[in-house]
Amino acid sequence: MNVYIGSQNPTKKAAVKSEFPEDEIIGVDVESKVSAQPFSDEETLEGAINRARECAAMKKADLGIGLEGGVMEIGEDLYLCNWGALIDHRENLYTASGARIRLPDEIKKELEKGLELGEVMDRYTAKQNVRKNEGAIGIFTNGAIIREEMFQHIVRLLKGQWEFDR
């Protein structure tokens, strides 16, 4: 089976591969059609669905998967949020959300200036490509959960719904 994922990010591709180990995983650059830094559950979900739709529409795709990371507010606090979408060849849509943790106020302030979380995390940690490695979740959980695992959980939820429905 050909599973297209709307990203070239290695953590997202690895998450899909771990849940579809026997299948061909093809990462493609597609547009989320939302802000570079989604700022709500709704916008983050919309980005995941848009990525999945683009992938599912590709000629050889059996499944299209979109994974999107964002942030969302609850009161005065800002939380990580992550969404995934899976669309099959019959155009059935499945969605799932993942782990959430509160972000420190200093991160929130930088995001409110219009910066992307990946850029902020690179500065905050003095590392490069945090988004392609442990992610903000990995930094702020001291490595207990890394970005790949977070997205793997979402992909497992998507796959389980899709298998139930078949």
N, C-alpha and C. Protein backbone atom coordinates (compact mmCIF):
# COMPACT_ATOMS: atom_id res chain seq x y z
N MET A 1 0.85 -1.17 0.00
CA MET A 1 0.00 0.00 0.00
C MET A 1 0.90 1.24 0.00
N ASN A 2 0.49 2.27 -0.72
CA ASN A 2 1.20 3.54 -0.76
C ASN A 2 0.55 4.52 0.20
N VAL A 3 1.31 4.94 1.21
CA VAL A 3 0.83 5.88 2.20
C VAL A 3 1.60 7.18 1.99
N TYR A 4 0.90 8.21 1.59
CA TYR A 4 1.52 9.51 1.38
C TYR A 4 1.31 10.37 2.62
N ILE A 5 2.39 11.00 3.06
CA ILE A 5 2.32 11.91 4.20
C ILE A 5 2.72 13.29 3.73
N GLY A 6 1.97 14.28 4.12
CA GLY A 6 2.18 15.64 3.67
C GLY A 6 3.29 16.36 4.40
N SER A 7 4.47 15.77 4.40
CA SER A 7 5.61 16.39 5.07
C SER A 7 6.88 15.64 4.70
N GLN A 8 7.98 16.35 4.73
CA GLN A 8 9.30 15.73 4.61
C GLN A 8 10.00 15.69 5.98
N ASN A 9 9.29 16.14 7.02
CA ASN A 9 9.88 16.17 8.35
C ASN A 9 10.18 14.74 8.81
N PRO A 10 11.42 14.44 9.17
CA PRO A 10 11.77 13.06 9.53
C PRO A 10 11.00 12.51 10.72
N THR A 11 10.61 13.34 11.69
CA THR A 11 9.87 12.82 12.84
C THR A 11 8.47 12.39 12.43
N LYS A 12 7.85 13.13 11.53
CA LYS A 12 6.51 12.78 11.06
C LYS A 12 6.55 11.53 10.19
N LYS A 13 7.52 11.46 9.29
CA LYS A 13 7.66 10.29 8.43
C LYS A 13 7.94 9.03 9.25
N ALA A 14 8.81 9.14 10.24
CA ALA A 14 9.13 8.00 11.10
C ALA A 14 7.90 7.55 11.89
N ALA A 15 7.08 8.49 12.33
CA ALA A 15 5.86 8.14 13.06
C ALA A 15 4.92 7.33 12.18
N VAL A 16 4.77 7.73 10.93
CA VAL A 16 3.91 6.99 10.01
C VAL A 16 4.51 5.63 9.70
N LYS A 17 5.81 5.58 9.47
CA LYS A 17 6.47 4.30 9.15
C LYS A 17 6.33 3.31 10.29
N SER A 18 6.39 3.79 11.52
CA SER A 18 6.29 2.88 12.67
C SER A 18 4.91 2.23 12.75
N GLU A 19 3.88 2.90 12.26
CA GLU A 19 2.52 2.36 12.32
C GLU A 19 2.12 1.64 11.03
N PHE A 20 2.85 1.87 9.97
CA PHE A 20 2.61 1.20 8.68
C PHE A 20 3.93 0.58 8.19
N PRO A 21 4.50 -0.35 8.98
CA PRO A 21 5.85 -0.84 8.69
C PRO A 21 5.97 -1.64 7.38
N GLU A 22 4.91 -2.22 6.93
CA GLU A 22 4.95 -3.03 5.71
C GLU A 22 4.63 -2.23 4.46
N ASP A 23 4.30 -0.98 4.61
CA ASP A 23 3.84 -0.18 3.48
C ASP A 23 4.89 0.81 3.01
N GLU A 24 4.69 1.30 1.80
CA GLU A 24 5.57 2.32 1.23
C GLU A 24 5.12 3.68 1.76
N ILE A 25 6.01 4.36 2.45
CA ILE A 25 5.72 5.68 3.01
C ILE A 25 6.40 6.72 2.13
N ILE A 26 5.60 7.62 1.58
CA ILE A 26 6.12 8.64 0.68
C ILE A 26 5.84 10.01 1.28
N GLY A 27 6.88 10.73 1.63
CA GLY A 27 6.74 12.08 2.14
C GLY A 27 6.74 13.07 0.99
N VAL A 28 5.78 13.97 0.99
CA VAL A 28 5.67 14.97 -0.07
C VAL A 28 5.44 16.34 0.56
N ASP A 29 5.97 17.35 -0.11
CA ASP A 29 5.74 18.72 0.33
C ASP A 29 4.39 19.18 -0.19
N VAL A 30 3.48 19.46 0.72
CA VAL A 30 2.17 20.00 0.37
C VAL A 30 1.88 21.18 1.28
N GLU A 31 0.97 22.01 0.86
CA GLU A 31 0.61 23.19 1.64
C GLU A 31 -0.44 22.84 2.68
N SER A 32 -0.26 23.41 3.88
CA SER A 32 -1.28 23.23 4.92
C SER A 32 -2.44 24.19 4.70
N LYS A 33 -2.19 25.28 3.99
CA LYS A 33 -3.18 26.32 3.72
C LYS A 33 -3.69 27.00 5.00
N VAL A 34 -2.85 26.95 6.05
CA VAL A 34 -3.12 27.68 7.28
C VAL A 34 -1.86 28.47 7.62
N SER A 35 -1.90 29.21 8.70
CA SER A 35 -0.74 29.99 9.12
C SER A 35 0.47 29.09 9.32
N ALA A 36 1.66 29.66 9.12
CA ALA A 36 2.89 28.90 9.37
C ALA A 36 2.91 28.41 10.82
N GLN A 37 2.33 29.20 11.72
CA GLN A 37 2.19 28.80 13.12
C GLN A 37 0.71 28.81 13.48
N PRO A 38 0.04 27.66 13.34
CA PRO A 38 -1.38 27.62 13.72
C PRO A 38 -1.55 27.97 15.19
N PHE A 39 -2.62 28.75 15.48
CA PHE A 39 -2.81 29.29 16.82
C PHE A 39 -4.14 28.87 17.44
N SER A 40 -4.66 27.70 17.05
CA SER A 40 -5.87 27.17 17.67
C SER A 40 -6.01 25.71 17.27
N ASP A 41 -6.84 24.99 18.02
CA ASP A 41 -7.15 23.61 17.64
C ASP A 41 -7.75 23.58 16.23
N GLU A 42 -8.67 24.49 15.98
CA GLU A 42 -9.38 24.49 14.69
C GLU A 42 -8.42 24.69 13.53
N GLU A 43 -7.52 25.65 13.66
CA GLU A 43 -6.58 25.93 12.58
C GLU A 43 -5.58 24.79 12.40
N THR A 44 -5.14 24.20 13.49
CA THR A 44 -4.19 23.10 13.42
C THR A 44 -4.86 21.88 12.77
N LEU A 45 -6.09 21.58 13.15
CA LEU A 45 -6.84 20.49 12.53
C LEU A 45 -7.05 20.76 11.05
N GLU A 46 -7.41 21.97 10.71
CA GLU A 46 -7.62 22.33 9.30
C GLU A 46 -6.34 22.08 8.49
N GLY A 47 -5.21 22.44 9.04
CA GLY A 47 -3.93 22.20 8.36
C GLY A 47 -3.68 20.71 8.13
N ALA A 48 -3.97 19.90 9.14
CA ALA A 48 -3.78 18.45 9.00
C ALA A 48 -4.70 17.89 7.92
N ILE A 49 -5.96 18.31 7.93
CA ILE A 49 -6.92 17.84 6.92
C ILE A 49 -6.49 18.27 5.53
N ASN A 50 -6.06 19.52 5.38
CA ASN A 50 -5.62 19.99 4.06
C ASN A 50 -4.44 19.19 3.55
N ARG A 51 -3.50 18.88 4.42
CA ARG A 51 -2.34 18.07 4.01
C ARG A 51 -2.79 16.66 3.60
N ALA A 52 -3.68 16.07 4.38
CA ALA A 52 -4.16 14.72 4.06
C ALA A 52 -4.92 14.71 2.73
N ARG A 53 -5.73 15.72 2.48
CA ARG A 53 -6.48 15.80 1.22
C ARG A 53 -5.55 15.89 0.02
N GLU A 54 -4.53 16.74 0.14
CA GLU A 54 -3.55 16.88 -0.95
C GLU A 54 -2.90 15.54 -1.24
N CYS A 55 -2.54 14.83 -0.19
CA CYS A 55 -1.87 13.53 -0.37
C CYS A 55 -2.82 12.48 -0.94
N ALA A 56 -4.03 12.43 -0.42
CA ALA A 56 -5.00 11.44 -0.89
C ALA A 56 -5.34 11.64 -2.36
N ALA A 57 -5.23 12.86 -2.84
CA ALA A 57 -5.55 13.16 -4.23
C ALA A 57 -4.43 12.75 -5.19
N MET A 58 -3.30 12.38 -4.67
CA MET A 58 -2.18 11.98 -5.53
C MET A 58 -2.47 10.64 -6.18
N LYS A 59 -2.03 10.50 -7.39
CA LYS A 59 -2.39 9.39 -8.27
C LYS A 59 -2.22 8.00 -7.64
N LYS A 60 -1.11 7.76 -7.00
CA LYS A 60 -0.83 6.41 -6.50
C LYS A 60 -1.08 6.23 -5.01
N ALA A 61 -1.73 7.20 -4.37
CA ALA A 61 -1.94 7.15 -2.92
C ALA A 61 -3.11 6.24 -2.56
N ASP A 62 -2.88 5.31 -1.65
CA ASP A 62 -3.96 4.53 -1.05
C ASP A 62 -4.49 5.25 0.18
N LEU A 63 -3.58 5.90 0.90
CA LEU A 63 -3.94 6.70 2.08
C LEU A 63 -3.17 8.01 2.03
N GLY A 64 -3.81 9.07 2.47
CA GLY A 64 -3.15 10.36 2.64
C GLY A 64 -3.19 10.74 4.11
N ILE A 65 -2.06 11.13 4.64
CA ILE A 65 -1.98 11.50 6.06
C ILE A 65 -1.40 12.89 6.18
N GLY A 66 -2.05 13.70 7.03
CA GLY A 66 -1.55 15.03 7.36
C GLY A 66 -1.34 15.11 8.86
N LEU A 67 -0.20 15.60 9.27
CA LEU A 67 0.11 15.81 10.68
C LEU A 67 0.50 17.27 10.86
N GLU A 68 -0.11 17.92 11.82
CA GLU A 68 0.12 19.35 12.01
C GLU A 68 0.31 19.65 13.48
N GLY A 69 1.34 20.43 13.78
CA GLY A 69 1.57 20.89 15.13
C GLY A 69 1.17 22.35 15.25
N GLY A 70 0.64 22.72 16.38
CA GLY A 70 0.23 24.10 16.60
C GLY A 70 0.22 24.41 18.08
N VAL A 71 -0.40 25.53 18.39
CA VAL A 71 -0.59 25.93 19.78
C VAL A 71 -2.03 26.40 19.95
N MET A 72 -2.50 26.33 21.18
CA MET A 72 -3.87 26.80 21.46
C MET A 72 -3.92 27.37 22.87
N GLU A 73 -4.82 28.33 23.05
CA GLU A 73 -4.93 29.01 24.33
C GLU A 73 -6.07 28.45 25.17
N ILE A 74 -5.80 28.37 26.45
CA ILE A 74 -6.83 28.11 27.45
C ILE A 74 -6.63 29.18 28.51
N GLY A 75 -7.56 30.10 28.58
CA GLY A 75 -7.39 31.24 29.48
C GLY A 75 -6.16 32.03 29.08
N GLU A 76 -5.28 32.24 30.02
CA GLU A 76 -4.03 32.99 29.77
C GLU A 76 -2.88 32.10 29.35
N ASP A 77 -3.10 30.79 29.37
CA ASP A 77 -2.02 29.84 29.08
C ASP A 77 -2.02 29.39 27.64
N LEU A 78 -0.84 29.06 27.13
CA LEU A 78 -0.67 28.57 25.77
C LEU A 78 -0.17 27.13 25.84
N TYR A 79 -0.82 26.26 25.08
CA TYR A 79 -0.50 24.83 25.08
C TYR A 79 -0.08 24.38 23.69
N LEU A 80 0.79 23.37 23.65
CA LEU A 80 1.04 22.67 22.40
C LEU A 80 -0.23 21.95 22.01
N CYS A 81 -0.52 21.88 20.73
CA CYS A 81 -1.59 21.01 20.26
C CYS A 81 -1.12 20.37 18.96
N ASN A 82 -1.58 19.17 18.70
CA ASN A 82 -1.15 18.42 17.53
C ASN A 82 -2.34 17.66 16.99
N TRP A 83 -2.50 17.70 15.69
CA TRP A 83 -3.62 17.02 15.05
C TRP A 83 -3.15 16.20 13.87
N GLY A 84 -3.91 15.17 13.58
CA GLY A 84 -3.65 14.35 12.41
C GLY A 84 -4.94 14.07 11.68
N ALA A 85 -4.80 13.81 10.39
CA ALA A 85 -5.94 13.43 9.56
C ALA A 85 -5.49 12.33 8.60
N LEU A 86 -6.37 11.40 8.36
CA LEU A 86 -6.13 10.32 7.41
C LEU A 86 -7.32 10.28 6.46
N ILE A 87 -7.05 10.23 5.18
CA ILE A 87 -8.09 10.11 4.16
C ILE A 87 -7.75 8.91 3.30
N ASP A 88 -8.73 8.00 3.14
CA ASP A 88 -8.50 6.81 2.33
C ASP A 88 -8.97 7.02 0.89
N HIS A 89 -8.79 5.99 0.06
CA HIS A 89 -9.13 6.11 -1.36
C HIS A 89 -10.63 6.27 -1.60
N ARG A 90 -11.45 6.00 -0.58
CA ARG A 90 -12.90 6.23 -0.70
C ARG A 90 -13.30 7.61 -0.18
N GLU A 91 -12.31 8.41 0.18
CA GLU A 91 -12.47 9.77 0.70
C GLU A 91 -13.06 9.83 2.10
N ASN A 92 -12.95 8.73 2.86
CA ASN A 92 -13.32 8.75 4.27
C ASN A 92 -12.27 9.54 5.04
N LEU A 93 -12.72 10.38 5.95
CA LEU A 93 -11.82 11.22 6.74
C LEU A 93 -11.84 10.77 8.20
N TYR A 94 -10.65 10.61 8.76
CA TYR A 94 -10.48 10.26 10.17
C TYR A 94 -9.55 11.31 10.78
N THR A 95 -9.85 11.76 12.00
CA THR A 95 -9.03 12.77 12.66
C THR A 95 -8.72 12.34 14.09
N ALA A 96 -7.62 12.85 14.61
CA ALA A 96 -7.22 12.56 15.98
C ALA A 96 -6.29 13.66 16.47
N SER A 97 -6.30 13.86 17.78
CA SER A 97 -5.43 14.85 18.41
C SER A 97 -4.51 14.15 19.39
N GLY A 98 -3.44 14.86 19.77
CA GLY A 98 -2.45 14.25 20.64
C GLY A 98 -2.19 15.00 21.92
N ALA A 99 -1.03 14.76 22.46
CA ALA A 99 -0.62 15.29 23.76
C ALA A 99 -0.63 16.82 23.78
N ARG A 100 -0.87 17.35 24.95
CA ARG A 100 -0.85 18.80 25.16
C ARG A 100 -0.06 19.09 26.43
N ILE A 101 0.79 20.07 26.34
CA ILE A 101 1.46 20.56 27.54
C ILE A 101 1.49 22.08 27.49
N ARG A 102 1.48 22.68 28.66
CA ARG A 102 1.55 24.14 28.77
C ARG A 102 2.96 24.59 28.40
N LEU A 103 3.02 25.64 27.61
CA LEU A 103 4.30 26.22 27.23
C LEU A 103 4.67 27.34 28.21
N PRO A 104 5.96 27.50 28.47
CA PRO A 104 6.40 28.58 29.35
C PRO A 104 6.00 29.95 28.79
N ASP A 105 5.78 30.90 29.68
CA ASP A 105 5.37 32.24 29.28
C ASP A 105 6.36 32.90 28.32
N GLU A 106 7.65 32.63 28.48
CA GLU A 106 8.64 33.25 27.58
C GLU A 106 8.49 32.72 26.15
N ILE A 107 8.06 31.49 25.99
CA ILE A 107 7.80 30.93 24.65
C ILE A 107 6.54 31.57 24.09
N LYS A 108 5.50 31.67 24.92
CA LYS A 108 4.25 32.29 24.51
C LYS A 108 4.49 33.70 23.98
N LYS A 109 5.29 34.48 24.70
CA LYS A 109 5.56 35.86 24.29
C LYS A 109 6.21 35.92 22.92
N GLU A 110 7.13 35.02 22.64
CA GLU A 110 7.80 34.99 21.33
C GLU A 110 6.82 34.60 20.22
N LEU A 111 5.96 33.64 20.49
CA LEU A 111 4.97 33.22 19.50
C LEU A 111 3.98 34.33 19.21
N GLU A 112 3.62 35.08 20.23
CA GLU A 112 2.69 36.20 20.04
C GLU A 112 3.28 37.31 19.17
N LYS A 113 4.59 37.31 19.01
CA LYS A 113 5.26 38.27 18.11
C LYS A 113 5.18 37.82 16.66
N GLY A 114 4.65 36.62 16.42
CA GLY A 114 4.52 36.13 15.06
C GLY A 114 5.57 35.13 14.64
N LEU A 115 6.41 34.69 15.56
CA LEU A 115 7.44 33.70 15.23
C LEU A 115 6.85 32.30 15.25
N GLU A 116 7.50 31.37 14.56
CA GLU A 116 7.09 29.96 14.57
C GLU A 116 7.74 29.26 15.76
N LEU A 117 7.05 28.25 16.28
CA LEU A 117 7.55 27.53 17.44
C LEU A 117 8.91 26.90 17.17
N GLY A 118 9.12 26.33 15.99
CA GLY A 118 10.41 25.72 15.67
C GLY A 118 11.55 26.71 15.79
N GLU A 119 11.35 27.90 15.27
CA GLU A 119 12.35 28.96 15.34
C GLU A 119 12.60 29.38 16.79
N VAL A 120 11.53 29.53 17.55
CA VAL A 120 11.64 29.92 18.95
C VAL A 120 12.38 28.84 19.74
N MET A 121 12.07 27.59 19.47
CA MET A 121 12.72 26.50 20.21
C MET A 121 14.20 26.41 19.88
N ASP A 122 14.57 26.65 18.64
CA ASP A 122 16.00 26.64 18.29
C ASP A 122 16.75 27.70 19.07
N ARG A 123 16.17 28.88 19.17
CA ARG A 123 16.81 29.96 19.94
C ARG A 123 16.84 29.63 21.43
N TYR A 124 15.71 29.16 21.94
CA TYR A 124 15.56 28.87 23.37
C TYR A 124 16.56 27.82 23.84
N THR A 125 16.78 26.80 22.99
CA THR A 125 17.66 25.68 23.37
C THR A 125 19.08 25.85 22.86
N ALA A 126 19.32 26.84 22.01
CA ALA A 126 20.62 27.01 21.34
C ALA A 126 20.99 25.76 20.55
N LYS A 127 19.97 25.13 19.95
CA LYS A 127 20.15 23.96 19.09
C LYS A 127 19.63 24.30 17.70
N GLN A 128 19.84 23.39 16.77
CA GLN A 128 19.28 23.55 15.44
C GLN A 128 18.30 22.43 15.16
N ASN A 129 17.21 22.78 14.48
CA ASN A 129 16.22 21.81 14.02
C ASN A 129 15.55 21.00 15.13
N VAL A 130 15.19 21.66 16.21
CA VAL A 130 14.47 20.97 17.28
C VAL A 130 13.21 20.32 16.72
N ARG A 131 12.53 20.99 15.76
CA ARG A 131 11.29 20.44 15.17
C ARG A 131 11.54 19.15 14.41
N LYS A 132 12.75 18.90 13.98
CA LYS A 132 13.08 17.67 13.25
C LYS A 132 13.68 16.61 14.16
N ASN A 133 13.72 16.92 15.44
CA ASN A 133 14.29 15.99 16.41
C ASN A 133 13.31 15.78 17.55
N GLU A 134 13.67 16.21 18.75
CA GLU A 134 12.82 15.93 19.91
C GLU A 134 11.58 16.80 19.98
N GLY A 135 11.60 17.96 19.33
CA GLY A 135 10.46 18.86 19.35
C GLY A 135 10.33 19.56 20.69
N ALA A 136 9.43 20.53 20.74
CA ALA A 136 9.17 21.24 21.98
C ALA A 136 8.70 20.28 23.07
N ILE A 137 7.92 19.28 22.68
CA ILE A 137 7.43 18.30 23.66
C ILE A 137 8.60 17.57 24.32
N GLY A 138 9.62 17.25 23.54
CA GLY A 138 10.79 16.58 24.08
C GLY A 138 11.59 17.46 25.02
N ILE A 139 11.70 18.74 24.66
CA ILE A 139 12.43 19.68 25.51
C ILE A 139 11.70 19.85 26.84
N PHE A 140 10.39 20.12 26.77
CA PHE A 140 9.65 20.48 27.98
C PHE A 140 9.15 19.28 28.78
N THR A 141 9.41 18.05 28.30
CA THR A 141 9.15 16.86 29.12
C THR A 141 10.46 16.18 29.50
N ASN A 142 11.58 16.89 29.27
CA ASN A 142 12.90 16.35 29.59
C ASN A 142 13.14 15.01 28.89
N GLY A 143 12.62 14.90 27.66
CA GLY A 143 12.83 13.70 26.85
C GLY A 143 11.88 12.55 27.16
N ALA A 144 10.95 12.73 28.08
CA ALA A 144 10.01 11.64 28.41
C ALA A 144 9.14 11.27 27.21
N ILE A 145 8.74 12.28 26.43
CA ILE A 145 7.99 12.09 25.19
C ILE A 145 8.67 12.96 24.15
N ILE A 146 9.03 12.36 23.01
CA ILE A 146 9.62 13.16 21.94
C ILE A 146 8.61 13.31 20.81
N ARG A 147 8.91 14.20 19.90
CA ARG A 147 7.96 14.57 18.84
C ARG A 147 7.51 13.36 18.01
N GLU A 148 8.44 12.50 17.66
CA GLU A 148 8.08 11.31 16.88
C GLU A 148 7.05 10.46 17.63
N GLU A 149 7.25 10.26 18.92
CA GLU A 149 6.32 9.45 19.72
C GLU A 149 4.94 10.11 19.79
N MET A 150 4.94 11.42 19.93
CA MET A 150 3.67 12.15 20.00
C MET A 150 2.88 11.95 18.70
N PHE A 151 3.57 12.11 17.56
CA PHE A 151 2.89 11.91 16.29
C PHE A 151 2.58 10.44 16.04
N GLN A 152 3.40 9.54 16.54
CA GLN A 152 3.13 8.11 16.40
C GLN A 152 1.80 7.77 17.08
N HIS A 153 1.56 8.33 18.24
CA HIS A 153 0.30 8.11 18.95
C HIS A 153 -0.89 8.57 18.11
N ILE A 154 -0.75 9.74 17.49
CA ILE A 154 -1.82 10.26 16.63
C ILE A 154 -2.04 9.34 15.44
N VAL A 155 -0.96 8.89 14.80
CA VAL A 155 -1.08 8.00 13.65
C VAL A 155 -1.73 6.68 14.07
N ARG A 156 -1.39 6.19 15.24
CA ARG A 156 -2.01 4.95 15.75
C ARG A 156 -3.52 5.14 15.93
N LEU A 157 -3.93 6.31 16.44
CA LEU A 157 -5.35 6.61 16.57
C LEU A 157 -6.04 6.67 15.21
N LEU A 158 -5.39 7.29 14.25
CA LEU A 158 -5.95 7.39 12.89
C LEU A 158 -6.09 6.00 12.27
N LYS A 159 -5.02 5.23 12.34
CA LYS A 159 -5.02 3.89 11.74
C LYS A 159 -6.09 3.01 12.39
N GLY A 160 -6.21 3.09 13.70
CA GLY A 160 -7.21 2.27 14.40
C GLY A 160 -8.63 2.60 13.96
N GLN A 161 -8.93 3.88 13.79
CA GLN A 161 -10.26 4.27 13.31
C GLN A 161 -10.51 3.75 11.90
N TRP A 162 -9.50 3.92 11.05
CA TRP A 162 -9.60 3.48 9.65
C TRP A 162 -9.78 1.96 9.58
N GLU A 163 -9.03 1.20 10.37
CA GLU A 163 -9.16 -0.26 10.35
C GLU A 163 -10.52 -0.70 10.87
N PHE A 164 -11.03 -0.02 11.89
CA PHE A 164 -12.35 -0.34 12.44
C PHE A 164 -13.43 -0.17 11.39
N ASP A 165 -13.28 0.83 10.57
CA ASP A 165 -14.30 1.20 9.58
C ASP A 165 -14.26 0.34 8.31
N ARG A 166 -13.16 -0.37 8.09
CA ARG A 166 -13.03 -1.11 6.84
C ARG A 166 -13.92 -2.29 6.75
